[in-house]
Amino acid sequence: MQHDVPVTGPARNGRRRAHAVPRPNEGVWPGLATPPSAPVKARIAESLFRNAVRSLPVRVVLPGGERLGAGGPDSPVMRIERPAAFFARLGANSKIGFGESYMVGDWTTTDLPGLLTPFAARLSTLVPPALQRLGRRFAEARQPREERNSLEGSRENIHRHYDLSNELFALFLDETMSYSSGWFADGSDDLVLAQQRKMDGILDMAGVRDGMHVLEIGTGWGGLATRAAQRGARVTTLTISQEQKDLAERRIAEAGVADRVQVLLRDYREARGSYDAVVSVEMVEAVGEDYWPTYFAALDRLLAPGGRVGLQSITMPHERMVVSKDDYTWIHKYVFPGGLIPSVTSIEQNLAADTGLRVTERRSLGYDYARTLGHWRRDFLDRWEDVAALGFDETFRRMWEFYLGYCEAGFRVGYLDVFQFSLQRRPGVSS
């Protein structure tokens, strides 16, 4: 299906491949080889693009030497190799076509995050508001109903991203296998130390200490559960990815804490029990707005009296979240189906409406996330030959590079942020 996240890696342990696409070096993926045929939309897109880049600090170069943009000699260069295809994709759906054009090579750049940063800084004003409203109403795709995060939908959505290949993630993540923002400090650019500091930070937010029973919602590859167990806690951690569960259990055993950590293949909605602390790192973004009340109520339901929650979440400005929450974007189509980044306001509203919890402490790590993503992007590109050996092709390489660069740009300019929150029950509220 065209909307599926493509996977080129081979089947592992007899499990099915997520979604078949051409083998490496067989060309562009189906649905991308031929740009849409919509001349009127393409002309409108070209006019809007030319107007938008006129004042941006970038240099846009077209075939024949025409140059656009207000960038100087040190500004990033965007080279449009195939203008007709580029504007056709942009006209068909700007939120998807821009990234797809990079995937197929319609445009290239000398500095992807550097180029995307000024676009991200002006994201809400590049297209006139009236045209944005018109596009949302009549032209642009909306989130597919089948990607809602029901019990079955969540498993499929998570499978499409996190089950790409454990080996793939191991090639560009650091040794802690942390797929979330690090926390840099003391002038260090060491990603391992930043990830360890981040894990300690969220455990501190939850007050995790020796002898506690901790629930983690969203195992990842076991790094945070291991860190909590090393503090002397007993940990129950939940994942709905079989691939992640298998590797997390191996890594936890290798760390020597398997006797204190239980990894369950279970959705947060199916969790039972009472825990001294609950932690969840960058999991709420995959929940979806319809299920936020259920997710936050689960945090409250599973937390023992006097306990605390350590929550880490990517956020966006509330007004932007409200107007764009139903949009179907390039990220949804190719990277994170069914997701929605919350705002701080929406988190607080859901806590107030559906739980007895409130935010008592918060810490922003937005700029740290930009640095983290920079590490991942550079390591991914440096290890590309190893990634390709797993069966991933050149279109995937450009897709993953665009994903990491696009997110890095969003955090660079503050369009995206990430917070660590400490949640406690409001005074007078019992569990």
Protein backbone atom coordinates (compact mmCIF):
# COMPACT_ATOMS: atom_id res chain seq x y z
CA MET A 1 0.00 0.00 0.00
CA GLN A 2 1.39 3.39 -0.92
CA HIS A 3 0.95 4.90 2.55
CA ASP A 4 2.98 2.19 4.26
CA VAL A 5 6.42 2.83 5.69
CA PRO A 6 8.75 0.98 3.32
CA VAL A 7 11.01 -1.73 4.67
CA THR A 8 13.75 -3.32 2.63
CA GLY A 9 15.36 -5.47 5.28
CA PRO A 10 14.97 -9.25 5.13
CA ALA A 11 12.55 -11.20 7.29
CA ARG A 12 13.98 -12.11 10.70
CA ASN A 13 13.26 -15.19 12.82
CA GLY A 14 10.55 -16.28 10.41
CA ARG A 15 8.42 -13.16 10.98
CA ARG A 16 6.84 -11.43 8.05
CA ARG A 17 8.41 -8.38 6.50
CA ALA A 18 6.42 -5.26 7.30
CA HIS A 19 5.84 -3.95 3.78
CA ALA A 20 7.65 -5.15 0.71
CA VAL A 21 9.41 -2.65 -1.53
CA PRO A 22 11.98 -3.08 -4.30
CA ARG A 23 15.25 -4.70 -3.41
CA PRO A 24 18.32 -2.44 -3.29
CA ASN A 25 19.34 -0.90 -6.61
CA GLU A 26 16.00 -1.70 -8.25
CA GLY A 27 15.11 1.95 -8.54
CA VAL A 28 12.60 4.26 -6.89
CA TRP A 29 9.81 2.79 -4.76
CA PRO A 30 6.36 2.27 -6.29
CA GLY A 31 4.27 5.41 -6.08
CA LEU A 32 7.32 7.67 -6.20
CA ALA A 33 8.74 6.93 -9.64
CA THR A 34 6.21 9.10 -11.48
CA PRO A 35 5.36 12.56 -10.13
CA PRO A 36 1.67 13.57 -10.01
CA SER A 37 0.18 15.15 -13.13
CA ALA A 38 -1.56 18.32 -11.97
CA PRO A 39 -0.23 21.28 -13.99
CA VAL A 40 -2.39 23.93 -12.32
CA LYS A 41 -1.42 22.84 -8.80
CA ALA A 42 2.22 22.67 -9.87
CA ARG A 43 2.14 26.25 -11.17
CA ILE A 44 0.52 27.47 -7.95
CA ALA A 45 3.12 25.58 -5.90
CA GLU A 46 5.97 27.11 -7.91
CA SER A 47 4.59 30.60 -7.38
CA LEU A 48 4.19 30.05 -3.63
CA PHE A 49 7.65 28.50 -3.34
CA ARG A 50 9.34 31.36 -5.18
CA ASN A 51 7.57 33.89 -2.99
CA ALA A 52 8.40 31.96 0.20
CA VAL A 53 12.13 31.59 -0.43
CA ARG A 54 12.61 35.18 -1.59
CA SER A 55 13.41 36.37 1.94
CA LEU A 56 14.89 33.16 3.39
CA PRO A 57 18.63 32.98 4.15
CA VAL A 58 19.17 30.16 1.64
CA ARG A 59 20.39 29.86 -1.94
CA VAL A 60 18.13 27.96 -4.33
CA VAL A 61 19.71 27.04 -7.66
CA LEU A 62 17.68 25.86 -10.65
CA PRO A 63 18.93 24.24 -13.87
CA GLY A 64 20.28 26.92 -16.17
CA GLY A 65 21.69 28.93 -13.29
CA GLU A 66 18.64 30.85 -12.00
CA ARG A 67 19.05 31.63 -8.31
CA LEU A 68 16.45 32.32 -5.64
CA GLY A 69 16.62 33.23 -1.96
CA ALA A 70 18.30 35.87 0.17
CA GLY A 71 21.23 33.78 1.33
CA GLY A 72 24.83 34.90 1.16
CA PRO A 73 27.89 32.90 0.10
CA ASP A 74 27.94 30.91 3.36
CA SER A 75 24.24 30.01 3.28
CA PRO A 76 23.09 26.45 2.58
CA VAL A 77 22.40 25.62 -1.05
CA MET A 78 19.29 23.87 -2.32
CA ARG A 79 19.80 22.61 -5.87
CA ILE A 80 16.58 21.77 -7.67
CA GLU A 81 17.60 19.08 -10.15
CA ARG A 82 14.15 18.35 -11.66
CA PRO A 83 11.93 21.44 -11.31
CA ALA A 84 8.87 20.00 -13.07
CA ALA A 85 8.77 16.93 -10.83
CA PHE A 86 9.58 18.97 -7.70
CA PHE A 87 6.76 21.46 -8.19
CA ALA A 88 4.33 18.71 -9.22
CA ARG A 89 4.96 16.85 -5.94
CA LEU A 90 4.80 20.08 -3.97
CA GLY A 91 1.52 21.01 -5.63
CA ALA A 92 -0.06 17.63 -4.98
CA ASN A 93 0.55 17.90 -1.22
CA SER A 94 3.16 20.25 0.18
CA LYS A 95 3.38 18.48 3.56
CA ILE A 96 4.33 15.21 1.86
CA GLY A 97 5.72 16.24 -1.52
CA PHE A 98 8.67 18.25 -0.22
CA GLY A 99 10.13 15.22 1.58
CA GLU A 100 9.25 12.82 -1.23
CA SER A 101 11.09 15.05 -3.66
CA TYR A 102 14.22 14.72 -1.55
CA MET A 103 13.77 10.94 -1.35
CA VAL A 104 13.83 10.59 -5.14
CA GLY A 105 16.50 13.23 -5.80
CA ASP A 106 14.36 16.01 -7.31
CA TRP A 107 16.44 18.32 -5.12
CA THR A 108 19.70 18.04 -3.22
CA THR A 109 21.56 20.18 -0.71
CA THR A 110 25.00 20.68 0.75
CA ASP A 111 23.62 20.96 4.31
CA LEU A 112 20.23 19.34 4.93
CA PRO A 113 19.52 20.46 8.53
CA GLY A 114 21.04 23.87 7.79
CA LEU A 115 18.72 24.29 4.80
CA LEU A 116 15.63 23.02 6.63
CA THR A 117 16.24 25.23 9.68
CA PRO A 118 15.12 28.54 8.09
CA PHE A 119 12.14 26.76 6.54
CA ALA A 120 11.20 25.43 9.99
CA ALA A 121 11.61 28.88 11.56
CA ARG A 122 9.06 30.29 9.09
CA LEU A 123 6.85 27.20 8.81
CA SER A 124 3.62 28.88 9.85
CA THR A 125 4.06 31.89 7.55
CA LEU A 126 5.60 30.45 4.37
CA VAL A 127 2.12 29.92 2.93
CA PRO A 128 -0.49 32.67 3.46
CA PRO A 129 -2.99 31.69 6.23
CA ALA A 130 -6.00 31.85 3.87
CA LEU A 131 -4.34 29.38 1.51
CA GLN A 132 -3.36 27.14 4.43
CA ARG A 133 -7.02 26.96 5.50
CA LEU A 134 -8.13 26.31 1.94
CA GLY A 135 -5.56 23.55 1.53
CA ARG A 136 -6.60 21.83 4.76
CA ARG A 137 -10.22 21.93 3.71
CA PHE A 138 -10.03 20.83 0.10
CA ALA A 139 -6.60 19.62 -0.97
CA GLU A 140 -4.40 18.03 1.65
CA ALA A 141 -4.75 14.50 2.95
CA ARG A 142 -6.13 13.85 6.42
CA GLN A 143 -4.99 11.21 8.86
CA PRO A 144 -6.31 7.79 7.78
CA ARG A 145 -8.82 6.23 10.15
CA GLU A 146 -7.04 2.88 9.91
CA GLU A 147 -3.96 4.43 11.56
CA ARG A 148 -5.80 5.27 14.78
CA ASN A 149 -4.08 3.86 17.84
CA SER A 150 -6.56 1.22 18.90
CA LEU A 151 -5.04 -1.88 20.46
CA GLU A 152 -4.56 -3.48 17.06
CA GLY A 153 -3.75 -0.19 15.30
CA SER A 154 -1.01 0.65 17.81
CA ARG A 155 0.70 -2.69 17.27
CA GLU A 156 0.72 -2.20 13.51
CA ASN A 157 1.90 1.43 13.74
CA ILE A 158 4.73 0.53 16.13
CA HIS A 159 5.63 -2.51 14.02
CA ARG A 160 6.05 -0.30 10.96
CA HIS A 161 8.76 1.79 12.63
CA TYR A 162 10.43 -0.02 15.51
CA ASP A 163 10.53 -3.43 13.83
CA LEU A 164 12.43 -2.15 10.80
CA SER A 165 15.56 -3.86 12.12
CA ASN A 166 17.25 -3.92 15.50
CA GLU A 167 20.53 -3.94 13.60
CA LEU A 168 19.62 -0.70 11.82
CA PHE A 169 18.99 1.17 15.06
CA ALA A 170 22.15 -0.25 16.64
CA LEU A 171 24.21 1.24 13.81
CA PHE A 172 23.31 4.88 14.50
CA LEU A 173 22.28 4.95 18.16
CA ASP A 174 24.85 5.08 20.96
CA GLU A 175 25.75 2.10 23.11
CA THR A 176 22.82 2.72 25.49
CA MET A 177 20.45 2.21 22.51
CA SER A 178 18.47 5.28 23.63
CA TYR A 179 16.09 6.50 20.92
CA SER A 180 15.16 9.76 22.64
CA SER A 181 16.79 13.05 23.49
CA GLY A 182 20.01 13.10 25.45
CA TRP A 183 20.84 15.78 28.03
CA PHE A 184 24.18 17.44 27.35
CA ALA A 185 25.92 19.41 30.08
CA ASP A 186 29.33 20.63 31.25
CA GLY A 187 30.43 21.42 27.70
CA SER A 188 30.59 17.74 26.76
CA ASP A 189 29.45 16.44 23.37
CA ASP A 190 29.59 12.79 24.52
CA LEU A 191 26.27 11.22 23.51
CA VAL A 192 26.61 8.24 25.87
CA LEU A 193 27.04 10.55 28.86
CA ALA A 194 24.15 12.69 27.63
CA GLN A 195 21.86 9.67 27.43
CA GLN A 196 22.89 8.43 30.86
CA ARG A 197 22.24 11.92 32.26
CA LYS A 198 18.81 11.96 30.57
CA MET A 199 17.90 8.58 32.09
CA ASP A 200 19.03 9.68 35.54
CA GLY A 201 17.03 12.88 35.08
CA ILE A 202 13.76 11.09 34.35
CA LEU A 203 14.33 8.57 37.15
CA ASP A 204 14.92 11.50 39.50
CA MET A 205 11.67 13.08 38.29
CA ALA A 206 9.90 9.87 39.33
CA GLY A 207 11.85 9.61 42.61
CA VAL A 208 13.16 6.13 41.76
CA ARG A 209 15.36 4.62 44.45
CA ASP A 210 16.44 1.32 45.97
CA GLY A 211 13.64 -1.12 46.81
CA MET A 212 10.94 0.47 44.64
CA HIS A 213 8.79 -1.35 42.09
CA VAL A 214 8.82 0.75 38.90
CA LEU A 215 6.58 0.51 35.86
CA GLU A 216 8.02 1.65 32.53
CA ILE A 217 5.60 2.26 29.64
CA GLY A 218 7.62 1.90 26.45
CA THR A 219 10.66 -0.37 26.86
CA GLY A 220 12.71 0.73 23.88
CA TRP A 221 15.77 -1.50 23.97
CA GLY A 222 15.99 -1.70 27.75
CA GLY A 223 18.33 1.17 28.61
CA LEU A 224 16.11 2.98 31.11
CA ALA A 225 14.93 -0.24 32.76
CA THR A 226 18.55 -1.28 33.20
CA ARG A 227 19.45 2.10 34.70
CA ALA A 228 16.54 1.86 37.16
CA ALA A 229 17.53 -1.68 38.16
CA GLN A 230 21.09 -0.51 38.76
CA ARG A 231 19.62 1.90 41.32
CA GLY A 232 18.22 -1.12 43.15
CA ALA A 233 14.66 -0.90 41.83
CA ARG A 234 12.54 -3.77 40.55
CA VAL A 235 11.20 -2.94 37.09
CA THR A 236 8.24 -4.08 35.03
CA THR A 237 8.54 -2.68 31.52
CA LEU A 238 5.97 -2.81 28.71
CA THR A 239 6.46 -2.93 24.95
CA ILE A 240 4.27 -3.95 22.01
CA SER A 241 7.24 -4.65 19.74
CA GLN A 242 8.41 -8.27 19.70
CA GLU A 243 11.70 -7.19 18.07
CA GLN A 244 12.39 -4.74 20.87
CA LYS A 245 11.39 -7.20 23.58
CA ASP A 246 13.82 -9.82 22.27
CA LEU A 247 16.80 -7.46 22.14
CA ALA A 248 15.90 -5.65 25.38
CA GLU A 249 15.87 -8.94 27.29
CA ARG A 250 19.29 -9.86 25.91
CA ARG A 251 20.74 -6.46 26.77
CA ILE A 252 19.23 -6.52 30.28
CA ALA A 253 20.73 -9.97 30.88
CA GLU A 254 24.13 -8.81 29.62
CA ALA A 255 23.96 -5.90 32.08
CA GLY A 256 23.47 -8.39 34.91
CA VAL A 257 20.05 -7.15 36.06
CA ALA A 258 17.72 -9.74 34.52
CA ASP A 259 16.65 -10.82 38.02
CA ARG A 260 15.23 -7.33 38.64
CA VAL A 261 13.59 -6.55 35.27
CA GLN A 262 10.55 -8.16 33.66
CA VAL A 263 9.82 -7.26 30.03
CA LEU A 264 6.18 -7.79 29.04
CA LEU A 265 4.70 -7.74 25.55
CA ARG A 266 1.73 -5.67 26.64
CA ASP A 267 -0.10 -2.46 25.78
CA TYR A 268 -0.35 0.23 28.45
CA ARG A 269 -4.15 -0.21 28.38
CA GLU A 270 -3.70 -3.82 29.48
CA ALA A 271 -1.41 -3.02 32.43
CA ARG A 272 -2.52 -3.94 35.91
CA GLY A 273 -1.14 -3.43 39.40
CA SER A 274 0.16 -0.64 41.58
CA TYR A 275 3.68 0.76 41.30
CA ASP A 276 5.81 3.04 43.45
CA ALA A 277 6.85 5.03 40.37
CA VAL A 278 5.92 5.13 36.68
CA VAL A 279 8.24 6.29 33.89
CA SER A 280 7.51 6.80 30.21
CA VAL A 281 9.95 8.38 27.78
CA GLU A 282 8.76 9.75 24.42
CA MET A 283 5.90 7.28 24.20
CA VAL A 284 2.93 9.64 24.50
CA GLU A 285 3.63 11.04 21.00
CA ALA A 286 2.58 7.66 19.55
CA VAL A 287 -0.67 7.48 21.52
CA GLY A 288 -2.84 9.80 19.40
CA GLU A 289 -5.21 12.48 20.65
CA ASP A 290 -8.22 10.14 20.89
CA TYR A 291 -6.36 8.00 23.40
CA TRP A 292 -4.62 10.66 25.48
CA PRO A 293 -7.34 10.48 28.18
CA THR A 294 -6.85 6.71 28.40
CA TYR A 295 -3.06 7.01 28.54
CA PHE A 296 -2.96 9.67 31.26
CA ALA A 297 -5.68 7.87 33.23
CA ALA A 298 -3.51 4.74 33.08
CA LEU A 299 -0.58 6.65 34.60
CA ASP A 300 -2.86 7.70 37.46
CA ARG A 301 -4.47 4.27 37.87
CA LEU A 302 -1.16 2.41 38.01
CA LEU A 303 0.61 4.80 40.42
CA ALA A 304 0.59 3.87 44.10
CA PRO A 305 -0.33 6.50 46.72
CA GLY A 306 2.54 8.91 47.26
CA GLY A 307 4.25 7.88 44.02
CA ARG A 308 5.49 10.04 41.17
CA VAL A 309 5.53 9.80 37.38
CA GLY A 310 8.56 10.69 35.26
CA LEU A 311 7.29 11.64 31.80
CA GLN A 312 9.40 12.75 28.83
CA SER A 313 7.54 14.14 25.83
CA ILE A 314 8.28 16.00 22.64
CA THR A 315 6.01 19.05 22.43
CA MET A 316 4.93 21.72 19.97
CA PRO A 317 3.23 25.11 20.50
CA HIS A 318 -0.42 24.64 21.46
CA GLU A 319 -1.88 26.86 18.75
CA ARG A 320 0.08 25.00 16.07
CA MET A 321 -0.99 21.64 17.46
CA VAL A 322 -4.66 22.63 17.38
CA VAL A 323 -4.68 23.73 13.73
CA SER A 324 -2.53 20.86 12.44
CA LYS A 325 -3.64 17.90 14.56
CA ASP A 326 -5.59 16.22 11.75
CA ASP A 327 -2.96 16.85 9.06
CA TYR A 328 -1.39 13.88 7.32
CA THR A 329 2.27 14.71 6.91
CA TRP A 330 5.41 13.19 5.44
CA ILE A 331 6.40 12.01 8.93
CA HIS A 332 3.08 10.15 9.30
CA LYS A 333 3.35 8.52 5.91
CA TYR A 334 6.96 7.40 6.12
CA VAL A 335 8.11 7.37 9.74
CA PHE A 336 5.53 7.54 12.56
CA PRO A 337 2.00 6.56 11.46
CA GLY A 338 -0.79 7.57 13.81
CA GLY A 339 1.28 9.91 15.95
CA LEU A 340 0.58 13.38 17.27
CA ILE A 341 3.02 15.55 19.21
CA PRO A 342 1.19 17.14 22.15
CA SER A 343 1.61 20.63 23.54
CA VAL A 344 2.41 21.35 27.17
CA THR A 345 -1.07 22.85 27.45
CA SER A 346 -2.73 19.70 26.09
CA ILE A 347 -0.78 17.55 28.57
CA GLU A 348 -1.88 19.76 31.45
CA GLN A 349 -5.49 19.80 30.21
CA ASN A 350 -5.63 16.01 29.97
CA LEU A 351 -4.11 15.61 33.41
CA ALA A 352 -6.68 17.98 34.88
CA ALA A 353 -9.63 16.38 33.10
CA ASP A 354 -8.83 12.68 33.43
CA THR A 355 -6.50 12.24 36.41
CA GLY A 356 -5.63 13.48 39.86
CA LEU A 357 -2.11 14.28 38.64
CA ARG A 358 -0.42 17.61 38.01
CA VAL A 359 2.95 18.78 36.75
CA THR A 360 5.17 19.71 39.69
CA GLU A 361 8.51 20.07 37.87
CA ARG A 362 9.65 20.36 34.26
CA ARG A 363 12.89 20.55 32.35
CA SER A 364 13.34 21.54 28.69
CA LEU A 365 15.84 19.61 26.56
CA GLY A 366 14.91 21.00 23.14
CA TYR A 367 18.35 22.17 22.08
CA ASP A 368 19.79 18.94 23.44
CA TYR A 369 17.51 17.05 21.08
CA ALA A 370 18.88 19.00 18.10
CA ARG A 371 22.38 17.89 19.14
CA THR A 372 21.22 14.31 19.68
CA LEU A 373 19.66 14.17 16.21
CA GLY A 374 22.85 15.60 14.73
CA HIS A 375 24.79 12.69 16.24
CA TRP A 376 22.30 10.17 14.88
CA ARG A 377 22.27 11.66 11.37
CA ARG A 378 26.06 11.78 11.12
CA ASP A 379 26.45 8.25 12.47
CA PHE A 380 23.77 6.93 10.11
CA LEU A 381 25.52 8.44 7.10
CA ASP A 382 28.97 7.35 8.31
CA ARG A 383 27.69 3.78 8.70
CA TRP A 384 25.69 3.74 5.48
CA GLU A 385 27.63 0.85 3.97
CA ASP A 386 26.74 -1.28 7.00
CA VAL A 387 23.10 -0.16 6.77
CA ALA A 388 23.00 -1.03 3.07
CA ALA A 389 24.40 -4.47 3.87
CA LEU A 390 21.21 -5.10 5.87
CA GLY A 391 19.19 -4.68 2.66
CA PHE A 392 18.18 -1.00 2.79
CA ASP A 393 18.37 0.93 -0.47
CA GLU A 394 19.30 4.47 -1.55
CA THR A 395 15.71 5.72 -1.36
CA PHE A 396 15.59 4.59 2.26
CA ARG A 397 18.90 6.37 2.90
CA ARG A 398 17.49 9.68 1.67
CA MET A 399 14.24 9.08 3.55
CA TRP A 400 16.02 8.45 6.87
CA GLU A 401 18.42 11.34 6.34
CA PHE A 402 15.48 13.67 5.65
CA TYR A 403 13.65 12.41 8.74
CA LEU A 404 16.61 13.07 11.04
CA GLY A 405 17.49 16.41 9.42
CA TYR A 406 13.86 17.59 9.42
CA CYS A 407 13.50 16.86 13.14
CA GLU A 408 16.88 18.43 13.95
CA ALA A 409 15.81 21.64 12.23
CA GLY A 410 12.54 21.73 14.20
CA PHE A 411 14.39 21.55 17.52
CA ARG A 412 17.05 24.03 16.40
CA VAL A 413 14.49 26.80 15.95
CA GLY A 414 12.21 25.89 18.85
CA TYR A 415 9.32 24.79 16.64
CA LEU A 416 9.65 21.54 18.59
CA ASP A 417 10.70 21.11 22.21
CA VAL A 418 11.03 18.19 24.59
CA PHE A 419 10.30 18.23 28.30
CA GLN A 420 10.93 16.00 31.26
CA PHE A 421 7.98 16.28 33.66
CA SER A 422 7.51 15.17 37.24
CA LEU A 423 3.85 14.36 37.90
CA GLN A 424 2.35 14.03 41.36
CA ARG A 425 -1.19 13.84 42.67
CA ARG A 426 -2.88 17.11 43.46
CA PRO A 427 -3.25 17.83 47.19
CA GLY A 428 -6.32 16.14 48.59
CA VAL A 429 -6.67 13.69 45.67
CA SER A 430 -6.43 10.00 46.51
CA SER A 431 -5.42 7.26 44.10
